[in-house]
Amino acid sequence: MSFIPFLDAGESVQIDDLTIENGAERIAVYGRLEIRRDRIGLQDIQALKAQIDAIAHELEGSAHLPERARSAQQMSVVPSPFADRNCA
């Protein structure tokens, strides 16, 4: 159920309705997870903790972390090839 954080293999982990999506430059966490007071709730929180711990361990082991990484939107802007055309 785990993956190597920041190894972009296009993999993701699903815990109930919560998704942890792996990428080379970022890890996305989205969805919903209800932790109930039962065995499944315990299993879900342990799985989430294992993923968060693995991500934290990877970041802590990185020697040169920038203060803030650039987002995908900041990386490049490609001009539209249709900007100078009248498409009407």
PDB file of N, CA and C in Angstrom:
ATOM      1  N   MET A   1       0.812  -1.199   0.000  1.00  0.00           N
ATOM      2  CA  MET A   1       0.000   0.000   0.000  1.00  0.00           C
ATOM      3  C   MET A   1       0.854   1.261   0.000  1.00  0.00           C
ATOM      4  N   SER A   2       2.134   1.146   0.141  1.00  0.00           N
ATOM      5  CA  SER A   2       2.955   2.348   0.175  1.00  0.00           C
ATOM      6  C   SER A   2       3.731   2.507  -1.123  1.00  0.00           C
ATOM      7  N   PHE A   3       4.221   3.688  -1.336  1.00  0.00           N
ATOM      8  CA  PHE A   3       5.067   3.973  -2.482  1.00  0.00           C
ATOM      9  C   PHE A   3       6.269   4.755  -2.004  1.00  0.00           C
ATOM     10  N   ILE A   4       7.269   4.901  -2.859  1.00  0.00           N
ATOM     11  CA  ILE A   4       8.441   5.689  -2.521  1.00  0.00           C
ATOM     12  C   ILE A   4       8.118   7.140  -2.849  1.00  0.00           C
ATOM     13  N   PRO A   5       8.041   8.011  -1.828  1.00  0.00           N
ATOM     14  CA  PRO A   5       7.650   9.403  -2.075  1.00  0.00           C
ATOM     15  C   PRO A   5       8.572  10.109  -3.060  1.00  0.00           C
ATOM     16  N   PHE A   6       7.963  10.873  -3.932  1.00  0.00           N
ATOM     17  CA  PHE A   6       8.629  11.691  -4.947  1.00  0.00           C
ATOM     18  C   PHE A   6       9.298  10.869  -6.036  1.00  0.00           C
ATOM     19  N   LEU A   7       9.031   9.591  -6.099  1.00  0.00           N
ATOM     20  CA  LEU A   7       9.468   8.774  -7.215  1.00  0.00           C
ATOM     21  C   LEU A   7       8.285   8.739  -8.170  1.00  0.00           C
ATOM     22  N   ASP A   8       8.383   9.504  -9.229  1.00  0.00           N
ATOM     23  CA  ASP A   8       7.238   9.676 -10.121  1.00  0.00           C
ATOM     24  C   ASP A   8       7.008   8.415 -10.946  1.00  0.00           C
ATOM     25  N   ALA A   9       6.202   7.563 -10.429  1.00  0.00           N
ATOM     26  CA  ALA A   9       5.843   6.348 -11.145  1.00  0.00           C
ATOM     27  C   ALA A   9       4.355   6.357 -11.471  1.00  0.00           C
ATOM     28  N   GLY A  10       3.722   7.515 -11.296  1.00  0.00           N
ATOM     29  CA  GLY A  10       2.307   7.637 -11.603  1.00  0.00           C
ATOM     30  C   GLY A  10       1.421   6.805 -10.693  1.00  0.00           C
ATOM     31  N   GLU A  11       1.887   6.530  -9.490  1.00  0.00           N
ATOM     32  CA  GLU A  11       1.106   5.704  -8.602  1.00  0.00           C
ATOM     33  C   GLU A  11       0.377   6.541  -7.565  1.00  0.00           C
ATOM     34  N   SER A  12      -0.650   5.952  -7.019  1.00  0.00           N
ATOM     35  CA  SER A  12      -1.384   6.620  -5.954  1.00  0.00           C
ATOM     36  C   SER A  12      -1.854   5.574  -4.961  1.00  0.00           C
ATOM     37  N   VAL A  13      -2.180   6.054  -3.773  1.00  0.00           N
ATOM     38  CA  VAL A  13      -2.689   5.198  -2.708  1.00  0.00           C
ATOM     39  C   VAL A  13      -4.076   5.701  -2.347  1.00  0.00           C
ATOM     40  N   GLN A  14      -4.988   4.790  -2.186  1.00  0.00           N
ATOM     41  CA  GLN A  14      -6.363   5.123  -1.812  1.00  0.00           C
ATOM     42  C   GLN A  14      -6.610   4.603  -0.414  1.00  0.00           C
ATOM     43  N   ILE A  15      -7.044   5.486   0.481  1.00  0.00           N
ATOM     44  CA  ILE A  15      -7.464   5.105   1.826  1.00  0.00           C
ATOM     45  C   ILE A  15      -8.876   5.627   1.976  1.00  0.00           C
ATOM     46  N   ASP A  16      -9.849   4.733   1.931  1.00  0.00           N
ATOM     47  CA  ASP A  16     -11.258   5.105   1.898  1.00  0.00           C
ATOM     48  C   ASP A  16     -11.466   6.031   0.702  1.00  0.00           C
ATOM     49  N   ASP A  17     -11.929   7.256   0.898  1.00  0.00           N
ATOM     50  CA  ASP A  17     -12.104   8.187  -0.215  1.00  0.00           C
ATOM     51  C   ASP A  17     -10.983   9.213  -0.283  1.00  0.00           C
ATOM     52  N   LEU A  18      -9.870   8.962   0.379  1.00  0.00           N
ATOM     53  CA  LEU A  18      -8.711   9.849   0.368  1.00  0.00           C
ATOM     54  C   LEU A  18      -7.678   9.284  -0.593  1.00  0.00           C
ATOM     55  N   THR A  19      -7.151  10.139  -1.456  1.00  0.00           N
ATOM     56  CA  THR A  19      -6.136   9.724  -2.423  1.00  0.00           C
ATOM     57  C   THR A  19      -4.842  10.458  -2.135  1.00  0.00           C
ATOM     58  N   ILE A  20      -3.739   9.718  -2.153  1.00  0.00           N
ATOM     59  CA  ILE A  20      -2.401  10.284  -2.049  1.00  0.00           C
ATOM     60  C   ILE A  20      -1.719   9.947  -3.368  1.00  0.00           C
ATOM     61  N   GLU A  21      -1.448  10.983  -4.160  1.00  0.00           N
ATOM     62  CA  GLU A  21      -0.933  10.815  -5.518  1.00  0.00           C
ATOM     63  C   GLU A  21       0.539  11.206  -5.571  1.00  0.00           C
ATOM     64  N   ASN A  22       1.371  10.300  -6.002  1.00  0.00           N
ATOM     65  CA  ASN A  22       2.810  10.486  -6.031  1.00  0.00           C
ATOM     66  C   ASN A  22       3.254  11.217  -7.291  1.00  0.00           C
ATOM     67  N   GLY A  23       4.263  12.043  -7.150  1.00  0.00           N
ATOM     68  CA  GLY A  23       4.857  12.739  -8.280  1.00  0.00           C
ATOM     69  C   GLY A  23       6.308  13.055  -7.992  1.00  0.00           C
ATOM     70  N   ALA A  24       7.060  13.418  -9.015  1.00  0.00           N
ATOM     71  CA  ALA A  24       8.485  13.695  -8.849  1.00  0.00           C
ATOM     72  C   ALA A  24       8.732  14.971  -8.051  1.00  0.00           C
ATOM     73  N   GLU A  25       7.875  15.965  -8.212  1.00  0.00           N
ATOM     74  CA  GLU A  25       8.083  17.262  -7.566  1.00  0.00           C
ATOM     75  C   GLU A  25       7.049  17.585  -6.497  1.00  0.00           C
ATOM     76  N   ARG A  26       5.974  16.807  -6.438  1.00  0.00           N
ATOM     77  CA  ARG A  26       4.926  17.083  -5.463  1.00  0.00           C
ATOM     78  C   ARG A  26       4.133  15.825  -5.199  1.00  0.00           C
ATOM     79  N   ILE A  27       3.504  15.799  -4.035  1.00  0.00           N
ATOM     80  CA  ILE A  27       2.575  14.740  -3.679  1.00  0.00           C
ATOM     81  C   ILE A  27       1.251  15.424  -3.376  1.00  0.00           C
ATOM     82  N   ALA A  28       0.209  14.981  -4.027  1.00  0.00           N
ATOM     83  CA  ALA A  28      -1.114  15.572  -3.833  1.00  0.00           C
ATOM     84  C   ALA A  28      -1.936  14.674  -2.914  1.00  0.00           C
ATOM     85  N   VAL A  29      -2.633  15.310  -1.977  1.00  0.00           N
ATOM     86  CA  VAL A  29      -3.531  14.602  -1.068  1.00  0.00           C
ATOM     87  C   VAL A  29      -4.903  15.239  -1.221  1.00  0.00           C
ATOM     88  N   TYR A  30      -5.877  14.438  -1.585  1.00  0.00           N
ATOM     89  CA  TYR A  30      -7.212  14.993  -1.760  1.00  0.00           C
ATOM     90  C   TYR A  30      -8.271  13.926  -1.490  1.00  0.00           C
ATOM     91  N   GLY A  31      -9.450  14.390  -1.201  1.00  0.00           N
ATOM     92  CA  GLY A  31     -10.563  13.484  -0.922  1.00  0.00           C
ATOM     93  C   GLY A  31     -11.046  13.622   0.505  1.00  0.00           C
ATOM     94  N   ARG A  32     -11.619  12.556   1.003  1.00  0.00           N
ATOM     95  CA  ARG A  32     -12.216  12.571   2.338  1.00  0.00           C
ATOM     96  C   ARG A  32     -11.920  11.243   3.034  1.00  0.00           C
ATOM     97  N   LEU A  33     -11.602  11.345   4.302  1.00  0.00           N
ATOM     98  CA  LEU A  33     -11.361  10.158   5.109  1.00  0.00           C
ATOM     99  C   LEU A  33     -12.049  10.339   6.448  1.00  0.00           C
ATOM    100  N   GLU A  34     -12.960   9.444   6.768  1.00  0.00           N
ATOM    101  CA  GLU A  34     -13.623   9.460   8.071  1.00  0.00           C
ATOM    102  C   GLU A  34     -12.940   8.429   8.947  1.00  0.00           C
ATOM    103  N   ILE A  35     -12.447   8.892  10.080  1.00  0.00           N
ATOM    104  CA  ILE A  35     -11.835   7.995  11.051  1.00  0.00           C
ATOM    105  C   ILE A  35     -12.897   7.686  12.105  1.00  0.00           C
ATOM    106  N   ARG A  36     -13.368   6.478  12.077  1.00  0.00           N
ATOM    107  CA  ARG A  36     -14.384   6.068  13.053  1.00  0.00           C
ATOM    108  C   ARG A  36     -13.720   5.269  14.161  1.00  0.00           C
ATOM    109  N   ARG A  37     -14.416   5.170  15.230  1.00  0.00           N
ATOM    110  CA  ARG A  37     -13.900   4.443  16.394  1.00  0.00           C
ATOM    111  C   ARG A  37     -14.198   2.951  16.228  1.00  0.00           C
ATOM    112  N   ASP A  38     -13.485   2.341  15.258  1.00  0.00           N
ATOM    113  CA  ASP A  38     -13.626   0.912  15.008  1.00  0.00           C
ATOM    114  C   ASP A  38     -12.327   0.388  14.393  1.00  0.00           C
ATOM    115  N   ARG A  39     -12.304  -0.895  14.076  1.00  0.00           N
ATOM    116  CA  ARG A  39     -11.077  -1.498  13.541  1.00  0.00           C
ATOM    117  C   ARG A  39     -10.686  -0.912  12.193  1.00  0.00           C
ATOM    118  N   ILE A  40     -11.651  -0.665  11.351  1.00  0.00           N
ATOM    119  CA  ILE A  40     -11.355  -0.075  10.039  1.00  0.00           C
ATOM    120  C   ILE A  40     -10.808   1.338  10.213  1.00  0.00           C
ATOM    121  N   GLY A  41     -11.366   2.091  11.148  1.00  0.00           N
ATOM    122  CA  GLY A  41     -10.845   3.426  11.434  1.00  0.00           C
ATOM    123  C   GLY A  41      -9.396   3.366  11.883  1.00  0.00           C
ATOM    124  N   LEU A  42      -9.082   2.402  12.721  1.00  0.00           N
ATOM    125  CA  LEU A  42      -7.701   2.217  13.178  1.00  0.00           C
ATOM    126  C   LEU A  42      -6.791   1.850  12.009  1.00  0.00           C
ATOM    127  N   GLN A  43      -7.223   0.932  11.158  1.00  0.00           N
ATOM    128  CA  GLN A  43      -6.422   0.548   9.992  1.00  0.00           C
ATOM    129  C   GLN A  43      -6.203   1.736   9.060  1.00  0.00           C
ATOM    130  N   ASP A  44      -7.253   2.524   8.832  1.00  0.00           N
ATOM    131  CA  ASP A  44      -7.142   3.689   7.942  1.00  0.00           C
ATOM    132  C   ASP A  44      -6.162   4.723   8.489  1.00  0.00           C
ATOM    133  N   ILE A  45      -6.237   5.030   9.785  1.00  0.00           N
ATOM    134  CA  ILE A  45      -5.345   6.040  10.350  1.00  0.00           C
ATOM    135  C   ILE A  45      -3.914   5.531  10.375  1.00  0.00           C
ATOM    136  N   GLN A  46      -3.719   4.247  10.582  1.00  0.00           N
ATOM    137  CA  GLN A  46      -2.364   3.685  10.540  1.00  0.00           C
ATOM    138  C   GLN A  46      -1.796   3.749   9.123  1.00  0.00           C
ATOM    139  N   ALA A  47      -2.624   3.488   8.127  1.00  0.00           N
ATOM    140  CA  ALA A  47      -2.180   3.575   6.730  1.00  0.00           C
ATOM    141  C   ALA A  47      -1.821   5.016   6.367  1.00  0.00           C
ATOM    142  N   LEU A  48      -2.654   5.963   6.798  1.00  0.00           N
ATOM    143  CA  LEU A  48      -2.372   7.369   6.530  1.00  0.00           C
ATOM    144  C   LEU A  48      -1.091   7.807   7.230  1.00  0.00           C
ATOM    145  N   LYS A  49      -0.923   7.414   8.476  1.00  0.00           N
ATOM    146  CA  LYS A  49       0.280   7.758   9.237  1.00  0.00           C
ATOM    147  C   LYS A  49       1.524   7.190   8.562  1.00  0.00           C
ATOM    148  N   ALA A  50       1.457   5.967   8.061  1.00  0.00           N
ATOM    149  CA  ALA A  50       2.603   5.357   7.378  1.00  0.00           C
ATOM    150  C   ALA A  50       2.991   6.162   6.146  1.00  0.00           C
ATOM    151  N   GLN A  51       1.993   6.631   5.394  1.00  0.00           N
ATOM    152  CA  GLN A  51       2.284   7.428   4.200  1.00  0.00           C
ATOM    153  C   GLN A  51       2.891   8.782   4.574  1.00  0.00           C
ATOM    154  N   ILE A  52       2.302   9.445   5.554  1.00  0.00           N
ATOM    155  CA  ILE A  52       2.810  10.752   5.999  1.00  0.00           C
ATOM    156  C   ILE A  52       4.216  10.609   6.563  1.00  0.00           C
ATOM    157  N   ASP A  53       4.461   9.569   7.347  1.00  0.00           N
ATOM    158  CA  ASP A  53       5.797   9.335   7.897  1.00  0.00           C
ATOM    159  C   ASP A  53       6.822   9.108   6.786  1.00  0.00           C
ATOM    160  N   ALA A  54       6.456   8.351   5.753  1.00  0.00           N
ATOM    161  CA  ALA A  54       7.373   8.096   4.638  1.00  0.00           C
ATOM    162  C   ALA A  54       7.684   9.391   3.881  1.00  0.00           C
ATOM    163  N   ILE A  55       6.684  10.230   3.680  1.00  0.00           N
ATOM    164  CA  ILE A  55       6.893  11.510   2.995  1.00  0.00           C
ATOM    165  C   ILE A  55       7.788  12.412   3.838  1.00  0.00           C
ATOM    166  N   ALA A  56       7.512  12.497   5.140  1.00  0.00           N
ATOM    167  CA  ALA A  56       8.323  13.325   6.049  1.00  0.00           C
ATOM    168  C   ALA A  56       9.767  12.825   6.071  1.00  0.00           C
ATOM    169  N   HIS A  57       9.962  11.532   6.126  1.00  0.00           N
ATOM    170  CA  HIS A  57      11.311  10.952   6.143  1.00  0.00           C
ATOM    171  C   HIS A  57      12.075  11.316   4.874  1.00  0.00           C
ATOM    172  N   GLU A  58      11.420  11.246   3.742  1.00  0.00           N
ATOM    173  CA  GLU A  58      12.059  11.602   2.468  1.00  0.00           C
ATOM    174  C   GLU A  58      12.450  13.074   2.454  1.00  0.00           C
ATOM    175  N   LEU A  59      11.560  13.944   2.908  1.00  0.00           N
ATOM    176  CA  LEU A  59      11.870  15.381   2.934  1.00  0.00           C
ATOM    177  C   LEU A  59      12.981  15.689   3.933  1.00  0.00           C
ATOM    178  N   GLU A  60      12.945  15.052   5.095  1.00  0.00           N
ATOM    179  CA  GLU A  60      13.979  15.276   6.106  1.00  0.00           C
ATOM    180  C   GLU A  60      15.352  14.832   5.615  1.00  0.00           C
ATOM    181  N   GLY A  61      15.398  13.830   4.732  1.00  0.00           N
ATOM    182  CA  GLY A  61      16.656  13.329   4.201  1.00  0.00           C
ATOM    183  C   GLY A  61      17.171  14.101   2.998  1.00  0.00           C
ATOM    184  N   SER A  62      16.406  15.093   2.536  1.00  0.00           N
ATOM    185  CA  SER A  62      16.821  15.901   1.387  1.00  0.00           C
ATOM    186  C   SER A  62      17.757  17.001   1.861  1.00  0.00           C
ATOM    187  N   ALA A  63      18.960  17.029   1.312  1.00  0.00           N
ATOM    188  CA  ALA A  63      19.986  17.962   1.774  1.00  0.00           C
ATOM    189  C   ALA A  63      19.685  19.415   1.410  1.00  0.00           C
ATOM    190  N   HIS A  64      19.164  19.650   0.238  1.00  0.00           N
ATOM    191  CA  HIS A  64      19.017  21.025  -0.245  1.00  0.00           C
ATOM    192  C   HIS A  64      17.570  21.321  -0.630  1.00  0.00           C
ATOM    193  N   LEU A  65      16.738  21.507   0.353  1.00  0.00           N
ATOM    194  CA  LEU A  65      15.347  21.861   0.082  1.00  0.00           C
ATOM    195  C   LEU A  65      15.232  23.367  -0.110  1.00  0.00           C
ATOM    196  N   PRO A  66      14.569  23.815  -1.167  1.00  0.00           N
ATOM    197  CA  PRO A  66      14.329  25.250  -1.305  1.00  0.00           C
ATOM    198  C   PRO A  66      13.314  25.704  -0.261  1.00  0.00           C
ATOM    199  N   GLU A  67      13.270  26.998  -0.007  1.00  0.00           N
ATOM    200  CA  GLU A  67      12.272  27.540   0.909  1.00  0.00           C
ATOM    201  C   GLU A  67      10.872  27.208   0.410  1.00  0.00           C
ATOM    202  N   ARG A  68      10.647  27.385  -0.890  1.00  0.00           N
ATOM    203  CA  ARG A  68       9.365  27.062  -1.512  1.00  0.00           C
ATOM    204  C   ARG A  68       9.620  26.619  -2.942  1.00  0.00           C
ATOM    205  N   ALA A  69       9.110  25.457  -3.288  1.00  0.00           N
ATOM    206  CA  ALA A  69       9.262  24.943  -4.649  1.00  0.00           C
ATOM    207  C   ALA A  69       8.317  25.690  -5.582  1.00  0.00           C
ATOM    208  N   ARG A  70       8.728  25.799  -6.816  1.00  0.00           N
ATOM    209  CA  ARG A  70       7.859  26.437  -7.805  1.00  0.00           C
ATOM    210  C   ARG A  70       6.691  25.517  -8.129  1.00  0.00           C
ATOM    211  N   SER A  71       5.550  26.104  -8.375  1.00  0.00           N
ATOM    212  CA  SER A  71       4.389  25.301  -8.762  1.00  0.00           C
ATOM    213  C   SER A  71       4.448  25.051 -10.258  1.00  0.00           C
ATOM    214  N   ALA A  72       3.659  24.130 -10.724  1.00  0.00           N
ATOM    215  CA  ALA A  72       3.609  23.819 -12.154  1.00  0.00           C
ATOM    216  C   ALA A  72       3.194  25.047 -12.958  1.00  0.00           C
ATOM    217  N   GLN A  73       2.340  25.893 -12.391  1.00  0.00           N
ATOM    218  CA  GLN A  73       1.888  27.091 -13.088  1.00  0.00           C
ATOM    219  C   GLN A  73       3.015  28.105 -13.247  1.00  0.00           C
ATOM    220  N   GLN A  74       3.943  28.147 -12.301  1.00  0.00           N
ATOM    221  CA  GLN A  74       5.042  29.100 -12.355  1.00  0.00           C
ATOM    222  C   GLN A  74       6.161  28.632 -13.271  1.00  0.00           C
ATOM    223  N   MET A  75       6.227  27.353 -13.589  1.00  0.00           N
ATOM    224  CA  MET A  75       7.359  26.799 -14.306  1.00  0.00           C
ATOM    225  C   MET A  75       7.464  27.298 -15.743  1.00  0.00           C
ATOM    226  N   SER A  76       6.389  27.308 -16.479  1.00  0.00           N
ATOM    227  CA  SER A  76       6.482  27.751 -17.864  1.00  0.00           C
ATOM    228  C   SER A  76       5.121  28.222 -18.367  1.00  0.00           C
ATOM    229  N   VAL A  77       5.188  29.217 -19.202  1.00  0.00           N
ATOM    230  CA  VAL A  77       3.990  29.714 -19.858  1.00  0.00           C
ATOM    231  C   VAL A  77       4.232  29.578 -21.353  1.00  0.00           C
ATOM    232  N   VAL A  78       3.389  28.817 -21.999  1.00  0.00           N
ATOM    233  CA  VAL A  78       3.518  28.593 -23.432  1.00  0.00           C
ATOM    234  C   VAL A  78       2.499  29.475 -24.129  1.00  0.00           C
ATOM    235  N   PRO A  79       2.977  30.337 -25.042  1.00  0.00           N
ATOM    236  CA  PRO A  79       2.025  31.195 -25.753  1.00  0.00           C
ATOM    237  C   PRO A  79       1.083  30.360 -26.627  1.00  0.00           C
ATOM    238  N   SER A  80      -0.130  30.811 -26.727  1.00  0.00           N
ATOM    239  CA  SER A  80      -1.126  30.119 -27.528  1.00  0.00           C
ATOM    240  C   SER A  80      -0.791  30.274 -29.016  1.00  0.00           C
ATOM    241  N   PRO A  81      -0.795  29.196 -29.776  1.00  0.00           N
ATOM    242  CA  PRO A  81      -0.537  29.309 -31.216  1.00  0.00           C
ATOM    243  C   PRO A  81      -1.707  29.960 -31.956  1.00  0.00           C
ATOM    244  N   PHE A  82      -2.822  30.131 -31.277  1.00  0.00           N
ATOM    245  CA  PHE A  82      -4.014  30.710 -31.887  1.00  0.00           C
ATOM    246  C   PHE A  82      -4.223  32.185 -31.522  1.00  0.00           C
ATOM    247  N   ALA A  83      -3.306  32.762 -30.784  1.00  0.00           N
ATOM    248  CA  ALA A  83      -3.477  34.114 -30.270  1.00  0.00           C
ATOM    249  C   ALA A  83      -3.575  35.155 -31.381  1.00  0.00           C
ATOM    250  N   ASP A  84      -2.857  34.978 -32.480  1.00  0.00           N
ATOM    251  CA  ASP A  84      -2.842  35.961 -33.566  1.00  0.00           C
ATOM    252  C   ASP A  84      -3.806  35.625 -34.690  1.00  0.00           C
ATOM    253  N   ARG A  85      -4.626  34.610 -34.525  1.00  0.00           N
ATOM    254  CA  ARG A  85      -5.537  34.196 -35.602  1.00  0.00           C
ATOM    255  C   ARG A  85      -6.956  34.644 -35.313  1.00  0.00           C
ATOM    256  N   ASN A  86      -7.659  34.950 -36.349  1.00  0.00           N
ATOM    257  CA  ASN A  86      -9.078  35.252 -36.239  1.00  0.00           C
ATOM    258  C   ASN A  86      -9.835  33.988 -36.550  1.00  0.00           C
ATOM    259  N   CYS A  87     -10.355  33.349 -35.561  1.00  0.00           N
ATOM    260  CA  CYS A  87     -11.015  32.050 -35.725  1.00  0.00           C
ATOM    261  C   CYS A  87     -12.529  32.190 -35.822  1.00  0.00           C
ATOM    262  N   ALA A  88     -13.015  33.346 -36.097  1.00  0.00           N
ATOM    263  CA  ALA A  88     -14.468  33.543 -36.129  1.00  0.00           C
ATOM    264  C   ALA A  88     -15.063  33.125 -37.417  1.00  0.00           C
TER     265      ALA A  88
END
